[in-house]
Amino acid sequence: MKTLSAILVLSFICAMTGCNTVKGVGQDLQKAGEKIEDVAKKK
């Protein structure tokens, strides 16, 4: 659970620093969510 929380926080930080628009934030968060789902499915 701690690992998942850390991934979420890091993804949020990357999303906020990696784009300049609200649309860009949404896209980055969606990509981060997809990666988290992939990791969760592998476990």
Protein backbone atom coordinates (compact mmCIF):
# COMPACT_ATOMS: atom_id res chain seq x y z
CA MET A 1 0.00 0.00 0.00
CA LYS A 2 2.88 2.36 0.75
CA THR A 3 4.35 1.65 -2.67
CA LEU A 4 1.08 2.49 -4.38
CA SER A 5 0.81 5.73 -2.41
CA ALA A 6 4.35 6.67 -3.34
CA ILE A 7 3.65 5.97 -7.00
CA LEU A 8 0.53 8.13 -6.90
CA VAL A 9 2.36 11.04 -5.26
CA LEU A 10 5.27 10.85 -7.69
CA SER A 11 2.91 10.62 -10.65
CA PHE A 12 1.02 13.67 -9.45
CA ILE A 13 4.24 15.65 -9.03
CA CYS A 14 5.43 14.63 -12.50
CA ALA A 15 2.09 15.54 -14.00
CA MET A 16 2.13 18.98 -12.40
CA THR A 17 5.68 19.76 -13.52
CA GLY A 18 5.43 18.14 -16.95
CA CYS A 19 2.62 20.17 -18.47
CA ASN A 20 1.27 23.69 -18.57
CA THR A 21 -2.43 23.23 -19.23
CA VAL A 22 -5.37 21.64 -17.47
CA LYS A 23 -5.86 19.35 -20.46
CA GLY A 24 -2.23 18.29 -20.22
CA VAL A 25 -2.63 17.53 -16.51
CA GLY A 26 -5.62 15.33 -17.30
CA GLN A 27 -3.72 13.43 -19.95
CA ASP A 28 -0.71 12.93 -17.69
CA LEU A 29 -2.89 11.71 -14.83
CA GLN A 30 -4.66 9.31 -17.16
CA LYS A 31 -1.35 7.86 -18.34
CA ALA A 32 -0.16 7.55 -14.74
CA GLY A 33 -3.40 5.79 -13.82
CA GLU A 34 -2.96 3.34 -16.67
CA LYS A 35 0.56 2.49 -15.52
CA ILE A 36 -0.65 1.98 -11.95
CA GLU A 37 -3.38 -0.35 -13.22
CA ASP A 38 -0.79 -2.33 -15.17
CA VAL A 39 1.37 -2.72 -12.06
CA ALA A 40 -1.65 -3.76 -9.99
CA LYS A 41 -2.68 -6.39 -12.56
CA LYS A 42 0.80 -7.94 -12.53
CA LYS A 43 0.64 -8.55 -8.78
